[in-house]
mmCIF file of all heavy atoms, coordinates in Angstrom:
data_MODEL
# 
_entry.id   MODEL 
# 
loop_
_atom_site.group_PDB 
_atom_site.id 
_atom_site.type_symbol 
_atom_site.label_atom_id 
_atom_site.label_alt_id 
_atom_site.label_comp_id 
_atom_site.label_asym_id 
_atom_site.label_entity_id 
_atom_site.label_seq_id 
_atom_site.pdbx_PDB_ins_code 
_atom_site.Cartn_x 
_atom_site.Cartn_y 
_atom_site.Cartn_z 
_atom_site.occupancy 
_atom_site.B_iso_or_equiv 
_atom_site.pdbx_formal_charge 
_atom_site.auth_seq_id 
_atom_site.auth_comp_id 
_atom_site.auth_asym_id 
_atom_site.auth_atom_id 
_atom_site.pdbx_PDB_model_num 
ATOM 1   N N   . GLN A 1 1  ? 0.857   -1.223 -0.043  1.00 0.00 ? 1  GLN A N   1 
ATOM 2   C CA  . GLN A 1 1  ? -0.010  0.022  0.029   1.00 0.00 ? 1  GLN A CA  1 
ATOM 3   C C   . GLN A 1 1  ? 0.956   1.274  0.015   1.00 0.00 ? 1  GLN A C   1 
ATOM 4   O O   . GLN A 1 1  ? 0.457   2.231  -0.707  1.00 0.00 ? 1  GLN A O   1 
ATOM 5   C CB  . GLN A 1 1  ? -0.968  0.041  1.172   1.00 0.00 ? 1  GLN A CB  1 
ATOM 6   C CG  . GLN A 1 1  ? -1.812  1.320  1.312   1.00 0.00 ? 1  GLN A CG  1 
ATOM 7   C CD  . GLN A 1 1  ? -2.566  1.381  2.598   1.00 0.00 ? 1  GLN A CD  1 
ATOM 8   O OE1 . GLN A 1 1  ? -2.486  0.471  3.439   1.00 0.00 ? 1  GLN A OE1 1 
ATOM 9   N NE2 . GLN A 1 1  ? -3.606  2.271  2.618   1.00 0.00 ? 1  GLN A NE2 1 
ATOM 10  N N   . LEU A 1 2  ? 1.880   1.358  0.753   1.00 0.00 ? 2  LEU A N   1 
ATOM 11  C CA  . LEU A 1 2  ? 2.711   2.481  0.805   1.00 0.00 ? 2  LEU A CA  1 
ATOM 12  C C   . LEU A 1 2  ? 4.001   2.530  0.022   1.00 0.00 ? 2  LEU A C   1 
ATOM 13  O O   . LEU A 1 2  ? 4.825   3.341  0.240   1.00 0.00 ? 2  LEU A O   1 
ATOM 14  C CB  . LEU A 1 2  ? 3.079   2.707  2.322   1.00 0.00 ? 2  LEU A CB  1 
ATOM 15  C CG  . LEU A 1 2  ? 1.852   2.967  3.277   1.00 0.00 ? 2  LEU A CG  1 
ATOM 16  C CD1 . LEU A 1 2  ? 2.264   3.082  4.750   1.00 0.00 ? 2  LEU A CD1 1 
ATOM 17  C CD2 . LEU A 1 2  ? 0.890   4.083  2.838   1.00 0.00 ? 2  LEU A CD2 1 
ATOM 18  N N   . ASP A 1 3  ? 3.975   1.596  -0.894  1.00 0.00 ? 3  ASP A N   1 
ATOM 19  C CA  . ASP A 1 3  ? 5.225   1.620  -1.782  1.00 0.00 ? 3  ASP A CA  1 
ATOM 20  C C   . ASP A 1 3  ? 5.042   2.533  -3.001  1.00 0.00 ? 3  ASP A C   1 
ATOM 21  O O   . ASP A 1 3  ? 4.401   2.393  -3.920  1.00 0.00 ? 3  ASP A O   1 
ATOM 22  C CB  . ASP A 1 3  ? 5.388   0.171  -2.394  1.00 0.00 ? 3  ASP A CB  1 
ATOM 23  C CG  . ASP A 1 3  ? 6.645   0.023  -3.362  1.00 0.00 ? 3  ASP A CG  1 
ATOM 24  O OD1 . ASP A 1 3  ? 7.312   1.075  -3.545  1.00 0.00 ? 3  ASP A OD1 1 
ATOM 25  O OD2 . ASP A 1 3  ? 7.009   -1.044 -3.661  1.00 0.00 ? 3  ASP A OD2 1 
ATOM 26  N N   . ARG A 1 4  ? 5.470   3.882  -2.720  1.00 0.00 ? 4  ARG A N   1 
ATOM 27  C CA  . ARG A 1 4  ? 5.103   4.923  -3.608  1.00 0.00 ? 4  ARG A CA  1 
ATOM 28  C C   . ARG A 1 4  ? 5.707   4.694  -5.119  1.00 0.00 ? 4  ARG A C   1 
ATOM 29  O O   . ARG A 1 4  ? 5.163   5.019  -6.084  1.00 0.00 ? 4  ARG A O   1 
ATOM 30  C CB  . ARG A 1 4  ? 5.771   6.268  -3.103  1.00 0.00 ? 4  ARG A CB  1 
ATOM 31  C CG  . ARG A 1 4  ? 5.046   6.802  -1.901  1.00 0.00 ? 4  ARG A CG  1 
ATOM 32  C CD  . ARG A 1 4  ? 5.693   7.955  -1.297  1.00 0.00 ? 4  ARG A CD  1 
ATOM 33  N NE  . ARG A 1 4  ? 4.974   8.544  -0.182  1.00 0.00 ? 4  ARG A NE  1 
ATOM 34  C CZ  . ARG A 1 4  ? 4.163   9.633  -0.193  1.00 0.00 ? 4  ARG A CZ  1 
ATOM 35  N NH1 . ARG A 1 4  ? 4.065   10.231 -1.370  1.00 0.00 ? 4  ARG A NH1 1 
ATOM 36  N NH2 . ARG A 1 4  ? 3.573   10.049 0.747   1.00 0.00 ? 4  ARG A NH2 1 
ATOM 37  N N   . GLU A 1 5  ? 6.841   4.001  -5.050  1.00 0.00 ? 5  GLU A N   1 
ATOM 38  C CA  . GLU A 1 5  ? 7.511   3.692  -6.537  1.00 0.00 ? 5  GLU A CA  1 
ATOM 39  C C   . GLU A 1 5  ? 6.546   2.929  -7.254  1.00 0.00 ? 5  GLU A C   1 
ATOM 40  O O   . GLU A 1 5  ? 6.518   2.939  -8.580  1.00 0.00 ? 5  GLU A O   1 
ATOM 41  C CB  . GLU A 1 5  ? 8.740   2.865  -6.251  1.00 0.00 ? 5  GLU A CB  1 
ATOM 42  C CG  . GLU A 1 5  ? 9.842   3.749  -5.639  1.00 0.00 ? 5  GLU A CG  1 
ATOM 43  C CD  . GLU A 1 5  ? 10.210  4.967  -6.464  1.00 0.00 ? 5  GLU A CD  1 
ATOM 44  O OE1 . GLU A 1 5  ? 10.221  4.944  -7.531  1.00 0.00 ? 5  GLU A OE1 1 
ATOM 45  O OE2 . GLU A 1 5  ? 10.399  6.123  -5.751  1.00 0.00 ? 5  GLU A OE2 1 
ATOM 46  N N   . ARG A 1 6  ? 5.709   2.086  -6.777  1.00 0.00 ? 6  ARG A N   1 
ATOM 47  C CA  . ARG A 1 6  ? 4.666   1.206  -7.362  1.00 0.00 ? 6  ARG A CA  1 
ATOM 48  C C   . ARG A 1 6  ? 3.257   1.597  -7.452  1.00 0.00 ? 6  ARG A C   1 
ATOM 49  O O   . ARG A 1 6  ? 2.439   0.853  -7.879  1.00 0.00 ? 6  ARG A O   1 
ATOM 50  C CB  . ARG A 1 6  ? 4.884   -0.302 -6.910  1.00 0.00 ? 6  ARG A CB  1 
ATOM 51  C CG  . ARG A 1 6  ? 6.277   -0.757 -7.047  1.00 0.00 ? 6  ARG A CG  1 
ATOM 52  C CD  . ARG A 1 6  ? 6.282   -2.276 -6.556  1.00 0.00 ? 6  ARG A CD  1 
ATOM 53  N NE  . ARG A 1 6  ? 5.458   -3.106 -7.367  1.00 0.00 ? 6  ARG A NE  1 
ATOM 54  C CZ  . ARG A 1 6  ? 5.214   -4.476 -7.073  1.00 0.00 ? 6  ARG A CZ  1 
ATOM 55  N NH1 . ARG A 1 6  ? 5.745   -5.017 -6.049  1.00 0.00 ? 6  ARG A NH1 1 
ATOM 56  N NH2 . ARG A 1 6  ? 4.506   -5.148 -7.923  1.00 0.00 ? 6  ARG A NH2 1 
ATOM 57  N N   . TRP A 1 7  ? 3.050   2.837  -6.913  1.00 0.00 ? 7  TRP A N   1 
ATOM 58  C CA  . TRP A 1 7  ? 1.721   3.417  -6.994  1.00 0.00 ? 7  TRP A CA  1 
ATOM 59  C C   . TRP A 1 7  ? 1.063   3.437  -8.407  1.00 0.00 ? 7  TRP A C   1 
ATOM 60  O O   . TRP A 1 7  ? -0.094  3.190  -8.493  1.00 0.00 ? 7  TRP A O   1 
ATOM 61  C CB  . TRP A 1 7  ? 1.618   4.821  -6.271  1.00 0.00 ? 7  TRP A CB  1 
ATOM 62  C CG  . TRP A 1 7  ? 1.438   4.836  -4.847  1.00 0.00 ? 7  TRP A CG  1 
ATOM 63  C CD1 . TRP A 1 7  ? 1.369   3.720  -4.050  1.00 0.00 ? 7  TRP A CD1 1 
ATOM 64  C CD2 . TRP A 1 7  ? 1.463   5.882  -3.980  1.00 0.00 ? 7  TRP A CD2 1 
ATOM 65  N NE1 . TRP A 1 7  ? 1.266   4.017  -2.653  1.00 0.00 ? 7  TRP A NE1 1 
ATOM 66  C CE2 . TRP A 1 7  ? 1.272   5.531  -2.653  1.00 0.00 ? 7  TRP A CE2 1 
ATOM 67  C CE3 . TRP A 1 7  ? 1.596   7.304  -4.140  1.00 0.00 ? 7  TRP A CE3 1 
ATOM 68  C CZ2 . TRP A 1 7  ? 1.221   6.379  -1.557  1.00 0.00 ? 7  TRP A CZ2 1 
ATOM 69  C CZ3 . TRP A 1 7  ? 1.480   8.154  -2.958  1.00 0.00 ? 7  TRP A CZ3 1 
ATOM 70  C CH2 . TRP A 1 7  ? 1.379   7.641  -1.666  1.00 0.00 ? 7  TRP A CH2 1 
ATOM 71  N N   . PRO A 1 8  ? 1.842   3.853  -9.391  1.00 0.00 ? 8  PRO A N   1 
ATOM 72  C CA  . PRO A 1 8  ? 1.122   3.856  -10.772 1.00 0.00 ? 8  PRO A CA  1 
ATOM 73  C C   . PRO A 1 8  ? 0.787   2.285  -11.105 1.00 0.00 ? 8  PRO A C   1 
ATOM 74  O O   . PRO A 1 8  ? -0.487  2.301  -11.777 1.00 0.00 ? 8  PRO A O   1 
ATOM 75  C CB  . PRO A 1 8  ? 2.360   4.147  -11.680 1.00 0.00 ? 8  PRO A CB  1 
ATOM 76  C CG  . PRO A 1 8  ? 3.249   5.043  -10.772 1.00 0.00 ? 8  PRO A CG  1 
ATOM 77  C CD  . PRO A 1 8  ? 3.304   4.414  -9.456  1.00 0.00 ? 8  PRO A CD  1 
ATOM 78  N N   . GLU A 1 9  ? 1.356   1.332  -10.759 1.00 0.00 ? 9  GLU A N   1 
ATOM 79  C CA  . GLU A 1 9  ? 0.887   0.032  -10.950 1.00 0.00 ? 9  GLU A CA  1 
ATOM 80  C C   . GLU A 1 9  ? -0.356  -0.296 -10.149 1.00 0.00 ? 9  GLU A C   1 
ATOM 81  O O   . GLU A 1 9  ? -1.264  -0.903 -10.768 1.00 0.00 ? 9  GLU A O   1 
ATOM 82  C CB  . GLU A 1 9  ? 2.036   -0.998 -10.572 1.00 0.00 ? 9  GLU A CB  1 
ATOM 83  C CG  . GLU A 1 9  ? 1.789   -2.520 -10.850 1.00 0.00 ? 9  GLU A CG  1 
ATOM 84  C CD  . GLU A 1 9  ? 2.854   -3.323 -10.329 1.00 0.00 ? 9  GLU A CD  1 
ATOM 85  O OE1 . GLU A 1 9  ? 4.003   -2.809 -10.071 1.00 0.00 ? 9  GLU A OE1 1 
ATOM 86  O OE2 . GLU A 1 9  ? 2.515   -4.629 -10.095 1.00 0.00 ? 9  GLU A OE2 1 
ATOM 87  N N   . LEU A 1 10 ? -0.312  0.049  -8.969  1.00 0.00 ? 10 LEU A N   1 
ATOM 88  C CA  . LEU A 1 10 ? -1.569  -0.215 -8.176  1.00 0.00 ? 10 LEU A CA  1 
ATOM 89  C C   . LEU A 1 10 ? -2.754  0.653  -8.726  1.00 0.00 ? 10 LEU A C   1 
ATOM 90  O O   . LEU A 1 10 ? -3.921  0.091  -8.694  1.00 0.00 ? 10 LEU A O   1 
ATOM 91  C CB  . LEU A 1 10 ? -1.280  0.206  -6.660  1.00 0.00 ? 10 LEU A CB  1 
ATOM 92  C CG  . LEU A 1 10 ? -2.386  -0.038 -5.653  1.00 0.00 ? 10 LEU A CG  1 
ATOM 93  C CD1 . LEU A 1 10 ? -2.895  -1.399 -5.700  1.00 0.00 ? 10 LEU A CD1 1 
ATOM 94  C CD2 . LEU A 1 10 ? -1.935  0.531  -4.260  1.00 0.00 ? 10 LEU A CD2 1 
ATOM 95  N N   . ARG A 1 11 ? -2.425  1.806  -9.106  1.00 0.00 ? 11 ARG A N   1 
ATOM 96  C CA  . ARG A 1 11 ? -3.590  2.664  -9.682  1.00 0.00 ? 11 ARG A CA  1 
ATOM 97  C C   . ARG A 1 11 ? -4.218  2.114  -10.925 1.00 0.00 ? 11 ARG A C   1 
ATOM 98  O O   . ARG A 1 11 ? -5.418  2.022  -11.023 1.00 0.00 ? 11 ARG A O   1 
ATOM 99  C CB  . ARG A 1 11 ? -3.175  4.049  -9.908  1.00 0.00 ? 11 ARG A CB  1 
ATOM 100 C CG  . ARG A 1 11 ? -4.167  5.089  -10.338 1.00 0.00 ? 11 ARG A CG  1 
ATOM 101 C CD  . ARG A 1 11 ? -3.641  6.527  -10.792 1.00 0.00 ? 11 ARG A CD  1 
ATOM 102 N NE  . ARG A 1 11 ? -2.711  6.956  -9.754  1.00 0.00 ? 11 ARG A NE  1 
ATOM 103 C CZ  . ARG A 1 11 ? -3.175  7.497  -8.733  1.00 0.00 ? 11 ARG A CZ  1 
ATOM 104 N NH1 . ARG A 1 11 ? -4.439  7.723  -8.599  1.00 0.00 ? 11 ARG A NH1 1 
ATOM 105 N NH2 . ARG A 1 11 ? -2.267  8.009  -7.734  1.00 0.00 ? 11 ARG A NH2 1 
ATOM 106 N N   . ARG A 1 12 ? -3.345  1.557  -11.753 1.00 0.00 ? 12 ARG A N   1 
ATOM 107 C CA  . ARG A 1 12 ? -3.818  0.880  -12.985 1.00 0.00 ? 12 ARG A CA  1 
ATOM 108 C C   . ARG A 1 12 ? -4.868  -0.284 -12.746 1.00 0.00 ? 12 ARG A C   1 
ATOM 109 O O   . ARG A 1 12 ? -5.954  -0.415 -13.349 1.00 0.00 ? 12 ARG A O   1 
ATOM 110 C CB  . ARG A 1 12 ? -2.662  0.549  -13.920 1.00 0.00 ? 12 ARG A CB  1 
ATOM 111 C CG  . ARG A 1 12 ? -2.120  1.581  -14.656 1.00 0.00 ? 12 ARG A CG  1 
ATOM 112 C CD  . ARG A 1 12 ? -1.127  1.085  -15.739 1.00 0.00 ? 12 ARG A CD  1 
ATOM 113 N NE  . ARG A 1 12 ? -0.053  0.153  -15.168 1.00 0.00 ? 12 ARG A NE  1 
ATOM 114 C CZ  . ARG A 1 12 ? 1.144   0.620  -14.753 1.00 0.00 ? 12 ARG A CZ  1 
ATOM 115 N NH1 . ARG A 1 12 ? 1.367   2.050  -14.853 1.00 0.00 ? 12 ARG A NH1 1 
ATOM 116 N NH2 . ARG A 1 12 ? 2.067   -0.063 -14.283 1.00 0.00 ? 12 ARG A NH2 1 
ATOM 117 N N   . ARG A 1 13 ? -4.426  -1.049 -11.743 1.00 0.00 ? 13 ARG A N   1 
ATOM 118 C CA  . ARG A 1 13 ? -5.122  -2.261 -11.375 1.00 0.00 ? 13 ARG A CA  1 
ATOM 119 C C   . ARG A 1 13 ? -6.399  -1.865 -10.696 1.00 0.00 ? 13 ARG A C   1 
ATOM 120 O O   . ARG A 1 13 ? -7.522  -2.377 -11.099 1.00 0.00 ? 13 ARG A O   1 
ATOM 121 C CB  . ARG A 1 13 ? -4.392  -3.048 -10.329 1.00 0.00 ? 13 ARG A CB  1 
ATOM 122 C CG  . ARG A 1 13 ? -4.976  -4.451 -10.225 1.00 0.00 ? 13 ARG A CG  1 
ATOM 123 C CD  . ARG A 1 13 ? -4.908  -5.359 -11.492 1.00 0.00 ? 13 ARG A CD  1 
ATOM 124 N NE  . ARG A 1 13 ? -5.584  -6.653 -11.314 1.00 0.00 ? 13 ARG A NE  1 
ATOM 125 C CZ  . ARG A 1 13 ? -6.783  -6.708 -11.847 1.00 0.00 ? 13 ARG A CZ  1 
ATOM 126 N NH1 . ARG A 1 13 ? -7.488  -5.704 -12.477 1.00 0.00 ? 13 ARG A NH1 1 
ATOM 127 N NH2 . ARG A 1 13 ? -7.435  -7.952 -11.777 1.00 0.00 ? 13 ARG A NH2 1 
ATOM 128 N N   . LEU A 1 14 ? -6.516  -0.743 -9.847  1.00 0.00 ? 14 LEU A N   1 
ATOM 129 C CA  . LEU A 1 14 ? -7.730  -0.323 -9.291  1.00 0.00 ? 14 LEU A CA  1 
ATOM 130 C C   . LEU A 1 14 ? -8.592  0.212  -10.272 1.00 0.00 ? 14 LEU A C   1 
ATOM 131 O O   . LEU A 1 14 ? -9.843  0.003  -10.391 1.00 0.00 ? 14 LEU A O   1 
ATOM 132 C CB  . LEU A 1 14 ? -7.555  0.777  -8.141  1.00 0.00 ? 14 LEU A CB  1 
ATOM 133 C CG  . LEU A 1 14 ? -6.754  0.219  -7.008  1.00 0.00 ? 14 LEU A CG  1 
ATOM 134 C CD1 . LEU A 1 14 ? -6.526  1.411  -5.991  1.00 0.00 ? 14 LEU A CD1 1 
ATOM 135 C CD2 . LEU A 1 14 ? -7.462  -0.926 -6.233  1.00 0.00 ? 14 LEU A CD2 1 
ATOM 136 N N   . ALA A 1 15 ? -8.036  1.051  -11.189 1.00 0.00 ? 15 ALA A N   1 
ATOM 137 C CA  . ALA A 1 15 ? -8.882  1.649  -12.327 1.00 0.00 ? 15 ALA A CA  1 
ATOM 138 C C   . ALA A 1 15 ? -9.465  0.600  -13.169 1.00 0.00 ? 15 ALA A C   1 
ATOM 139 O O   . ALA A 1 15 ? -10.678 0.739  -13.621 1.00 0.00 ? 15 ALA A O   1 
ATOM 140 C CB  . ALA A 1 15 ? -8.059  2.595  -13.178 1.00 0.00 ? 15 ALA A CB  1 
ATOM 141 N N   . GLU A 1 16 ? -8.792  -0.296 -13.628 1.00 0.00 ? 16 GLU A N   1 
ATOM 142 C CA  . GLU A 1 16 ? -9.285  -1.433 -14.402 1.00 0.00 ? 16 GLU A CA  1 
ATOM 143 C C   . GLU A 1 16 ? -10.542 -2.152 -13.847 1.00 0.00 ? 16 GLU A C   1 
ATOM 144 O O   . GLU A 1 16 ? -11.500 -2.399 -14.392 1.00 0.00 ? 16 GLU A O   1 
ATOM 145 C CB  . GLU A 1 16 ? -8.348  -2.517 -14.760 1.00 0.00 ? 16 GLU A CB  1 
ATOM 146 C CG  . GLU A 1 16 ? -7.166  -2.106 -15.621 1.00 0.00 ? 16 GLU A CG  1 
ATOM 147 C CD  . GLU A 1 16 ? -5.914  -3.026 -15.608 1.00 0.00 ? 16 GLU A CD  1 
ATOM 148 O OE1 . GLU A 1 16 ? -5.906  -4.036 -14.842 1.00 0.00 ? 16 GLU A OE1 1 
ATOM 149 O OE2 . GLU A 1 16 ? -5.034  -2.825 -16.425 1.00 0.00 ? 16 GLU A OE2 1 
ATOM 150 N N   . THR A 1 17 ? -10.407 -2.458 -12.542 1.00 0.00 ? 17 THR A N   1 
ATOM 151 C CA  . THR A 1 17 ? -11.423 -3.149 -11.792 1.00 0.00 ? 17 THR A CA  1 
ATOM 152 C C   . THR A 1 17 ? -12.672 -2.176 -11.667 1.00 0.00 ? 17 THR A C   1 
ATOM 153 O O   . THR A 1 17 ? -13.793 -2.517 -11.874 1.00 0.00 ? 17 THR A O   1 
ATOM 154 C CB  . THR A 1 17 ? -11.067 -3.438 -10.404 1.00 0.00 ? 17 THR A CB  1 
ATOM 155 O OG1 . THR A 1 17 ? -9.766  -4.159 -10.521 1.00 0.00 ? 17 THR A OG1 1 
ATOM 156 C CG2 . THR A 1 17 ? -11.966 -4.233 -9.715  1.00 0.00 ? 17 THR A CG2 1 
ATOM 157 N N   . PHE A 1 18 ? -12.552 -0.798 -11.242 1.00 0.00 ? 18 PHE A N   1 
ATOM 158 C CA  . PHE A 1 18 ? -13.690 -0.067 -10.999 1.00 0.00 ? 18 PHE A CA  1 
ATOM 159 C C   . PHE A 1 18 ? -14.364 0.183  -12.484 1.00 0.00 ? 18 PHE A C   1 
ATOM 160 O O   . PHE A 1 18 ? -15.715 0.381  -12.404 1.00 0.00 ? 18 PHE A O   1 
ATOM 161 C CB  . PHE A 1 18 ? -13.227 1.302  -10.579 1.00 0.00 ? 18 PHE A CB  1 
ATOM 162 C CG  . PHE A 1 18 ? -13.205 1.319  -9.009  1.00 0.00 ? 18 PHE A CG  1 
ATOM 163 C CD1 . PHE A 1 18 ? -12.001 1.484  -8.448  1.00 0.00 ? 18 PHE A CD1 1 
ATOM 164 C CD2 . PHE A 1 18 ? -14.331 1.034  -8.264  1.00 0.00 ? 18 PHE A CD2 1 
ATOM 165 C CE1 . PHE A 1 18 ? -11.916 1.436  -7.111  1.00 0.00 ? 18 PHE A CE1 1 
ATOM 166 C CE2 . PHE A 1 18 ? -14.218 1.109  -6.841  1.00 0.00 ? 18 PHE A CE2 1 
ATOM 167 C CZ  . PHE A 1 18 ? -13.049 1.258  -6.148  1.00 0.00 ? 18 PHE A CZ  1 
ATOM 168 N N   . ARG A 1 19 ? -13.711 0.032  -13.526 1.00 0.00 ? 19 ARG A N   1 
ATOM 169 C CA  . ARG A 1 19 ? -14.410 0.160  -14.878 1.00 0.00 ? 19 ARG A CA  1 
ATOM 170 C C   . ARG A 1 19 ? -15.326 -1.012 -15.192 1.00 0.00 ? 19 ARG A C   1 
ATOM 171 O O   . ARG A 1 19 ? -16.095 -0.964 -16.176 1.00 0.00 ? 19 ARG A O   1 
ATOM 172 C CB  . ARG A 1 19 ? -13.268 0.235  -15.866 1.00 0.00 ? 19 ARG A CB  1 
ATOM 173 C CG  . ARG A 1 19 ? -12.794 1.588  -16.210 1.00 0.00 ? 19 ARG A CG  1 
ATOM 174 C CD  . ARG A 1 19 ? -13.670 2.482  -16.843 1.00 0.00 ? 19 ARG A CD  1 
ATOM 175 N NE  . ARG A 1 19 ? -13.037 3.613  -17.395 1.00 0.00 ? 19 ARG A NE  1 
ATOM 176 C CZ  . ARG A 1 19 ? -13.742 4.555  -18.104 1.00 0.00 ? 19 ARG A CZ  1 
ATOM 177 N NH1 . ARG A 1 19 ? -15.043 4.470  -18.321 1.00 0.00 ? 19 ARG A NH1 1 
ATOM 178 N NH2 . ARG A 1 19 ? -13.085 5.582  -18.708 1.00 0.00 ? 19 ARG A NH2 1 
ATOM 179 N N   . THR A 1 20 ? -15.316 -2.130 -14.366 1.00 0.00 ? 20 THR A N   1 
ATOM 180 C CA  . THR A 1 20 ? -16.113 -3.263 -14.630 1.00 0.00 ? 20 THR A CA  1 
ATOM 181 C C   . THR A 1 20 ? -17.602 -3.093 -14.264 1.00 0.00 ? 20 THR A C   1 
ATOM 182 O O   . THR A 1 20 ? -18.438 -4.076 -14.482 1.00 0.00 ? 20 THR A O   1 
ATOM 183 C CB  . THR A 1 20 ? -15.528 -4.555 -14.118 1.00 0.00 ? 20 THR A CB  1 
ATOM 184 O OG1 . THR A 1 20 ? -15.565 -4.443 -12.789 1.00 0.00 ? 20 THR A OG1 1 
ATOM 185 C CG2 . THR A 1 20 ? -14.045 -4.688 -14.651 1.00 0.00 ? 20 THR A CG2 1 
ATOM 186 N N   . ARG A 1 21 ? -17.968 -2.122 -13.495 1.00 0.00 ? 21 ARG A N   1 
ATOM 187 C CA  . ARG A 1 21 ? -19.235 -2.006 -12.943 1.00 0.00 ? 21 ARG A CA  1 
ATOM 188 C C   . ARG A 1 21 ? -19.723 -0.534 -12.938 1.00 0.00 ? 21 ARG A C   1 
ATOM 189 O O   . ARG A 1 21 ? -18.808 0.372  -13.084 1.00 0.00 ? 21 ARG A O   1 
ATOM 190 C CB  . ARG A 1 21 ? -19.459 -2.464 -11.532 1.00 0.00 ? 21 ARG A CB  1 
ATOM 191 C CG  . ARG A 1 21 ? -19.036 -3.916 -11.290 1.00 0.00 ? 21 ARG A CG  1 
ATOM 192 C CD  . ARG A 1 21 ? -19.541 -4.413 -9.884  1.00 0.00 ? 21 ARG A CD  1 
ATOM 193 N NE  . ARG A 1 21 ? -18.993 -5.804 -9.593  1.00 0.00 ? 21 ARG A NE  1 
ATOM 194 C CZ  . ARG A 1 21 ? -19.345 -6.441 -8.501  1.00 0.00 ? 21 ARG A CZ  1 
ATOM 195 N NH1 . ARG A 1 21 ? -20.131 -5.907 -7.612  1.00 0.00 ? 21 ARG A NH1 1 
ATOM 196 N NH2 . ARG A 1 21 ? -18.945 -7.605 -8.292  1.00 0.00 ? 21 ARG A NH2 1 
ATOM 197 N N   . THR A 1 22 ? -20.966 -0.264 -12.842 1.00 0.00 ? 22 THR A N   1 
ATOM 198 C CA  . THR A 1 22 ? -21.381 1.195  -12.814 1.00 0.00 ? 22 THR A CA  1 
ATOM 199 C C   . THR A 1 22 ? -21.219 1.802  -11.526 1.00 0.00 ? 22 THR A C   1 
ATOM 200 O O   . THR A 1 22 ? -21.057 1.028  -10.476 1.00 0.00 ? 22 THR A O   1 
ATOM 201 C CB  . THR A 1 22 ? -22.994 1.300  -13.169 1.00 0.00 ? 22 THR A CB  1 
ATOM 202 O OG1 . THR A 1 22 ? -23.658 0.630  -12.029 1.00 0.00 ? 22 THR A OG1 1 
ATOM 203 C CG2 . THR A 1 22 ? -23.257 0.568  -14.596 1.00 0.00 ? 22 THR A CG2 1 
ATOM 204 N N   . ARG A 1 23 ? -21.344 2.983  -11.353 1.00 0.00 ? 23 ARG A N   1 
ATOM 205 C CA  . ARG A 1 23 ? -21.102 3.787  -10.104 1.00 0.00 ? 23 ARG A CA  1 
ATOM 206 C C   . ARG A 1 23 ? -22.160 3.241  -9.071  1.00 0.00 ? 23 ARG A C   1 
ATOM 207 O O   . ARG A 1 23 ? -21.731 2.740  -7.918  1.00 0.00 ? 23 ARG A O   1 
ATOM 208 C CB  . ARG A 1 23 ? -21.269 5.232  -10.287 1.00 0.00 ? 23 ARG A CB  1 
ATOM 209 C CG  . ARG A 1 23 ? -21.268 6.021  -9.106  1.00 0.00 ? 23 ARG A CG  1 
ATOM 210 C CD  . ARG A 1 23 ? -21.872 7.383  -9.263  1.00 0.00 ? 23 ARG A CD  1 
ATOM 211 N NE  . ARG A 1 23 ? -23.338 7.415  -9.323  1.00 0.00 ? 23 ARG A NE  1 
ATOM 212 C CZ  . ARG A 1 23 ? -24.174 8.382  -9.517  1.00 0.00 ? 23 ARG A CZ  1 
ATOM 213 N NH1 . ARG A 1 23 ? -23.526 9.569  -9.610  1.00 0.00 ? 23 ARG A NH1 1 
ATOM 214 N NH2 . ARG A 1 23 ? -25.419 8.250  -9.603  1.00 0.00 ? 23 ARG A NH2 1 
ATOM 215 N N   . ASP A 1 24 ? -23.338 3.111  -9.367  1.00 0.00 ? 24 ASP A N   1 
ATOM 216 C CA  . ASP A 1 24 ? -24.385 2.726  -8.440  1.00 0.00 ? 24 ASP A CA  1 
ATOM 217 C C   . ASP A 1 24 ? -24.260 1.146  -8.076  1.00 0.00 ? 24 ASP A C   1 
ATOM 218 O O   . ASP A 1 24 ? -24.554 0.783  -6.938  1.00 0.00 ? 24 ASP A O   1 
ATOM 219 C CB  . ASP A 1 24 ? -25.829 3.017  -8.898  1.00 0.00 ? 24 ASP A CB  1 
ATOM 220 C CG  . ASP A 1 24 ? -26.065 4.527  -9.168  1.00 0.00 ? 24 ASP A CG  1 
ATOM 221 O OD1 . ASP A 1 24 ? -25.309 5.245  -8.581  1.00 0.00 ? 24 ASP A OD1 1 
ATOM 222 O OD2 . ASP A 1 24 ? -27.035 4.801  -9.813  1.00 0.00 ? 24 ASP A OD2 1 
# 
């Protein structure tokens, strides 16, 4: 969680997952 060097990698994975469902 706190590995700043790999934050871009973590962000991409979270973004991909959130894109699979609607907001509601």
